[in-house]
Amino acid sequence: MASASNDETSTDDERVTVLTFDLEERRYCVRAESVASVLGVADDASLADAADPWNAGTITVAGERVRVVDLPRVFGSTFQTATRVDEPKLLVFAVTDETDRYYSWLVDHVDATRTVRTAALESPHTNTTHVKGRLEMDGSDVIWLDERTIHG
């Protein structure tokens, strides 16, 4: 089944800006307004060795503590990350947890922001709370992740 078109001709529904990013060969997105910054990661070895990819560790950025979710291990094809990209990125979100640590996601590559129609969002193919749905962008499927449920 083809994804609903995300063309600009419909004016009956809400438009949301999303930030697209890659994990392995798949494209994902998240609401752009929820992301505070995108950072390069010079050394992710300590994160890759963490026992729990949902809580891969904490790093300090500009004096702030940032909790890392290792998304390549969570949503990738395996839990092992023997082959990582050379320059992963860190999406740092504007919300904090109960200990005032910011949430962040380690991802392979960050693309650009796009404005999408919410009516173009299809239900996820699997029963999960972490995925809002799927969109079609530039002829390929993009999975929209729900940062609120991922952060718990």
C-alpha atoms as a PDB file:
ATOM      1  CA  MET A   1       0.000   0.000   0.000  1.00  0.00           C
ATOM      2  CA  ALA A   2       1.421   3.375  -0.971  1.00  0.00           C
ATOM      3  CA  SER A   3       1.757   6.135   1.599  1.00  0.00           C
ATOM      4  CA  ALA A   4      -0.595   9.072   1.458  1.00  0.00           C
ATOM      5  CA  SER A   5       0.729  11.930  -0.596  1.00  0.00           C
ATOM      6  CA  ASN A   6       2.268  14.834   1.241  1.00  0.00           C
ATOM      7  CA  ASP A   7       1.692  17.374  -1.515  1.00  0.00           C
ATOM      8  CA  GLU A   8       0.991  21.030  -0.861  1.00  0.00           C
ATOM      9  CA  THR A   9      -2.470  21.189  -2.514  1.00  0.00           C
ATOM     10  CA  SER A  10      -4.620  20.407   0.521  1.00  0.00           C
ATOM     11  CA  THR A  11      -5.396  23.199   2.967  1.00  0.00           C
ATOM     12  CA  ASP A  12      -7.882  21.369   5.201  1.00  0.00           C
ATOM     13  CA  ASP A  13      -5.451  20.021   7.778  1.00  0.00           C
ATOM     14  CA  GLU A  14      -2.698  21.077  10.111  1.00  0.00           C
ATOM     15  CA  ARG A  15       0.887  21.447   8.942  1.00  0.00           C
ATOM     16  CA  VAL A  16       3.812  20.496  11.171  1.00  0.00           C
ATOM     17  CA  THR A  17       7.528  20.974  10.670  1.00  0.00           C
ATOM     18  CA  VAL A  18       9.536  17.789  11.170  1.00  0.00           C
ATOM     19  CA  LEU A  19      13.273  17.124  11.259  1.00  0.00           C
ATOM     20  CA  THR A  20      14.337  14.103   9.213  1.00  0.00           C
ATOM     21  CA  PHE A  21      17.228  11.811  10.077  1.00  0.00           C
ATOM     22  CA  ASP A  22      18.625   8.407   9.150  1.00  0.00           C
ATOM     23  CA  LEU A  23      19.278   5.194  11.030  1.00  0.00           C
ATOM     24  CA  GLU A  24      21.023   2.641   8.849  1.00  0.00           C
ATOM     25  CA  GLU A  25      19.091   2.688   5.557  1.00  0.00           C
ATOM     26  CA  ARG A  26      15.780   4.002   6.944  1.00  0.00           C
ATOM     27  CA  ARG A  27      14.504   7.568   7.229  1.00  0.00           C
ATOM     28  CA  TYR A  28      12.785   8.848  10.344  1.00  0.00           C
ATOM     29  CA  CYS A  29      11.446  12.179  11.556  1.00  0.00           C
ATOM     30  CA  VAL A  30      10.419  13.930  14.745  1.00  0.00           C
ATOM     31  CA  ARG A  31       8.655  17.228  15.440  1.00  0.00           C
ATOM     32  CA  ALA A  32      11.275  19.915  14.798  1.00  0.00           C
ATOM     33  CA  GLU A  33       9.973  22.159  17.588  1.00  0.00           C
ATOM     34  CA  SER A  34      10.889  19.499  20.151  1.00  0.00           C
ATOM     35  CA  VAL A  35      14.591  19.491  19.160  1.00  0.00           C
ATOM     36  CA  ALA A  36      16.742  22.111  20.895  1.00  0.00           C
ATOM     37  CA  SER A  37      19.966  21.386  18.989  1.00  0.00           C
ATOM     38  CA  VAL A  38      21.848  18.954  16.776  1.00  0.00           C
ATOM     39  CA  LEU A  39      25.422  18.162  17.757  1.00  0.00           C
ATOM     40  CA  GLY A  40      28.246  16.167  16.225  1.00  0.00           C
ATOM     41  CA  VAL A  41      29.669  13.316  18.301  1.00  0.00           C
ATOM     42  CA  ALA A  42      33.431  12.890  18.107  1.00  0.00           C
ATOM     43  CA  ASP A  43      33.703   9.723  20.218  1.00  0.00           C
ATOM     44  CA  ASP A  44      30.696   7.472  20.771  1.00  0.00           C
ATOM     45  CA  ALA A  45      32.620   4.425  22.069  1.00  0.00           C
ATOM     46  CA  SER A  46      31.278   4.721  25.625  1.00  0.00           C
ATOM     47  CA  LEU A  47      27.716   4.938  24.298  1.00  0.00           C
ATOM     48  CA  ALA A  48      28.137   1.930  22.006  1.00  0.00           C
ATOM     49  CA  ASP A  49      29.327  -0.227  24.915  1.00  0.00           C
ATOM     50  CA  ALA A  50      26.350   0.586  27.158  1.00  0.00           C
ATOM     51  CA  ALA A  51      24.300  -2.434  28.233  1.00  0.00           C
ATOM     52  CA  ASP A  52      20.972  -0.626  27.697  1.00  0.00           C
ATOM     53  CA  PRO A  53      20.542   1.333  24.429  1.00  0.00           C
ATOM     54  CA  TRP A  54      17.476   3.090  25.894  1.00  0.00           C
ATOM     55  CA  ASN A  55      19.793   4.604  28.516  1.00  0.00           C
ATOM     56  CA  ALA A  56      23.196   4.507  26.832  1.00  0.00           C
ATOM     57  CA  GLY A  57      24.749   6.999  29.214  1.00  0.00           C
ATOM     58  CA  THR A  58      24.976  10.646  30.080  1.00  0.00           C
ATOM     59  CA  ILE A  59      27.239  13.233  28.516  1.00  0.00           C
ATOM     60  CA  THR A  60      27.811  16.878  29.383  1.00  0.00           C
ATOM     61  CA  VAL A  61      27.170  19.520  26.736  1.00  0.00           C
ATOM     62  CA  ALA A  62      27.725  23.202  27.517  1.00  0.00           C
ATOM     63  CA  GLY A  63      27.523  22.421  31.231  1.00  0.00           C
ATOM     64  CA  GLU A  64      24.211  20.555  30.900  1.00  0.00           C
ATOM     65  CA  ARG A  65      23.730  16.835  31.520  1.00  0.00           C
ATOM     66  CA  VAL A  66      22.287  14.993  28.523  1.00  0.00           C
ATOM     67  CA  ARG A  67      20.829  11.465  28.687  1.00  0.00           C
ATOM     68  CA  VAL A  68      21.469   9.490  25.472  1.00  0.00           C
ATOM     69  CA  VAL A  69      19.186   6.978  23.755  1.00  0.00           C
ATOM     70  CA  ASP A  70      21.227   4.987  21.200  1.00  0.00           C
ATOM     71  CA  LEU A  71      18.654   4.851  18.397  1.00  0.00           C
ATOM     72  CA  PRO A  72      20.816   2.840  15.951  1.00  0.00           C
ATOM     73  CA  ARG A  73      20.766   0.017  18.523  1.00  0.00           C
ATOM     74  CA  VAL A  74      17.106   0.507  19.464  1.00  0.00           C
ATOM     75  CA  PHE A  75      15.611   0.731  15.949  1.00  0.00           C
ATOM     76  CA  GLY A  76      18.417  -0.704  13.815  1.00  0.00           C
ATOM     77  CA  SER A  77      18.570  -4.198  12.380  1.00  0.00           C
ATOM     78  CA  THR A  78      20.566  -5.496  15.353  1.00  0.00           C
ATOM     79  CA  PHE A  79      21.329  -4.485  18.908  1.00  0.00           C
ATOM     80  CA  GLN A  80      25.032  -4.670  18.090  1.00  0.00           C
ATOM     81  CA  THR A  81      26.664  -1.646  16.482  1.00  0.00           C
ATOM     82  CA  ALA A  82      29.893  -3.116  15.127  1.00  0.00           C
ATOM     83  CA  THR A  83      29.585  -0.855  12.102  1.00  0.00           C
ATOM     84  CA  ARG A  84      28.771   2.706  13.114  1.00  0.00           C
ATOM     85  CA  VAL A  85      28.844   5.761  10.927  1.00  0.00           C
ATOM     86  CA  ASP A  86      32.002   7.841  11.258  1.00  0.00           C
ATOM     87  CA  GLU A  87      30.314  11.018  12.452  1.00  0.00           C
ATOM     88  CA  PRO A  88      27.043  10.290  14.278  1.00  0.00           C
ATOM     89  CA  LYS A  89      24.805  13.128  15.386  1.00  0.00           C
ATOM     90  CA  LEU A  90      23.030  13.806  18.637  1.00  0.00           C
ATOM     91  CA  LEU A  91      19.509  15.265  18.628  1.00  0.00           C
ATOM     92  CA  VAL A  92      19.133  17.117  21.932  1.00  0.00           C
ATOM     93  CA  PHE A  93      15.540  17.714  22.966  1.00  0.00           C
ATOM     94  CA  ALA A  94      14.155  20.722  24.812  1.00  0.00           C
ATOM     95  CA  VAL A  95      12.641  18.624  27.646  1.00  0.00           C
ATOM     96  CA  THR A  96      14.390  17.235  30.700  1.00  0.00           C
ATOM     97  CA  ASP A  97      13.810  14.191  32.881  1.00  0.00           C
ATOM     98  CA  GLU A  98      13.102  14.175  36.625  1.00  0.00           C
ATOM     99  CA  THR A  99      16.817  14.773  37.371  1.00  0.00           C
ATOM    100  CA  ASP A 100      17.056  17.749  34.957  1.00  0.00           C
ATOM    101  CA  ARG A 101      19.008  15.782  32.340  1.00  0.00           C
ATOM    102  CA  TYR A 102      18.077  16.650  28.776  1.00  0.00           C
ATOM    103  CA  TYR A 103      17.000  13.791  26.521  1.00  0.00           C
ATOM    104  CA  SER A 104      18.937  13.088  23.344  1.00  0.00           C
ATOM    105  CA  TRP A 105      19.007  10.545  20.542  1.00  0.00           C
ATOM    106  CA  LEU A 106      22.142   9.275  18.849  1.00  0.00           C
ATOM    107  CA  VAL A 107      21.406   9.013  15.098  1.00  0.00           C
ATOM    108  CA  ASP A 108      23.435   8.306  11.969  1.00  0.00           C
ATOM    109  CA  HIS A 109      22.730  11.399   9.895  1.00  0.00           C
ATOM    110  CA  VAL A 110      20.488  14.470  10.234  1.00  0.00           C
ATOM    111  CA  ASP A 111      18.877  15.827   7.100  1.00  0.00           C
ATOM    112  CA  ALA A 112      16.610  18.871   6.952  1.00  0.00           C
ATOM    113  CA  THR A 113      13.348  20.220   8.277  1.00  0.00           C
ATOM    114  CA  ARG A 114      10.238  19.756   6.192  1.00  0.00           C
ATOM    115  CA  THR A 115       6.679  20.983   6.601  1.00  0.00           C
ATOM    116  CA  VAL A 116       4.218  18.115   6.297  1.00  0.00           C
ATOM    117  CA  ARG A 117       0.453  17.724   6.349  1.00  0.00           C
ATOM    118  CA  THR A 118      -0.774  15.790   9.372  1.00  0.00           C
ATOM    119  CA  ALA A 119      -3.538  14.267   7.226  1.00  0.00           C
ATOM    120  CA  ALA A 120      -0.797  12.505   5.220  1.00  0.00           C
ATOM    121  CA  LEU A 121       0.254  10.552   8.318  1.00  0.00           C
ATOM    122  CA  GLU A 122      -0.594   6.835   8.046  1.00  0.00           C
ATOM    123  CA  SER A 123      -0.982   4.533  11.016  1.00  0.00           C
ATOM    124  CA  PRO A 124       2.095   2.472  11.897  1.00  0.00           C
ATOM    125  CA  HIS A 125       2.277  -1.066  10.505  1.00  0.00           C
ATOM    126  CA  THR A 126       3.158  -2.430  13.922  1.00  0.00           C
ATOM    127  CA  ASN A 127       1.516  -2.041  17.301  1.00  0.00           C
ATOM    128  CA  THR A 128       3.906   0.333  19.067  1.00  0.00           C
ATOM    129  CA  THR A 129       3.565   3.546  21.010  1.00  0.00           C
ATOM    130  CA  HIS A 130       6.967   4.842  19.835  1.00  0.00           C
ATOM    131  CA  VAL A 131       5.834   5.413  16.250  1.00  0.00           C
ATOM    132  CA  LYS A 132       3.245   8.057  15.351  1.00  0.00           C
ATOM    133  CA  GLY A 133       2.967   6.814  11.790  1.00  0.00           C
ATOM    134  CA  ARG A 134       4.449   6.921   8.319  1.00  0.00           C
ATOM    135  CA  LEU A 135       4.730   9.641   5.698  1.00  0.00           C
ATOM    136  CA  GLU A 136       5.936   9.717   2.135  1.00  0.00           C
ATOM    137  CA  MET A 137       8.634  12.298   1.378  1.00  0.00           C
ATOM    138  CA  ASP A 138      10.460  12.525  -1.925  1.00  0.00           C
ATOM    139  CA  GLY A 139       9.212   9.099  -2.926  1.00  0.00           C
ATOM    140  CA  SER A 140      10.382   7.234   0.162  1.00  0.00           C
ATOM    141  CA  ASP A 141       8.763   6.194   3.428  1.00  0.00           C
ATOM    142  CA  VAL A 142       9.609   8.169   6.557  1.00  0.00           C
ATOM    143  CA  ILE A 143       8.736   6.857  10.020  1.00  0.00           C
ATOM    144  CA  TRP A 144       7.561   9.569  12.415  1.00  0.00           C
ATOM    145  CA  LEU A 145       8.762   8.800  15.948  1.00  0.00           C
ATOM    146  CA  ASP A 146       6.904  10.038  19.026  1.00  0.00           C
ATOM    147  CA  GLU A 147       9.574  11.571  21.241  1.00  0.00           C
ATOM    148  CA  ARG A 148       7.201  11.829  24.203  1.00  0.00           C
ATOM    149  CA  THR A 149       6.696   8.069  24.466  1.00  0.00           C
ATOM    150  CA  ILE A 150      10.373   7.316  23.795  1.00  0.00           C
ATOM    151  CA  HIS A 151      11.350   9.591  26.689  1.00  0.00           C
ATOM    152  CA  GLY A 152       8.873   7.825  28.948  1.00  0.00           C
END
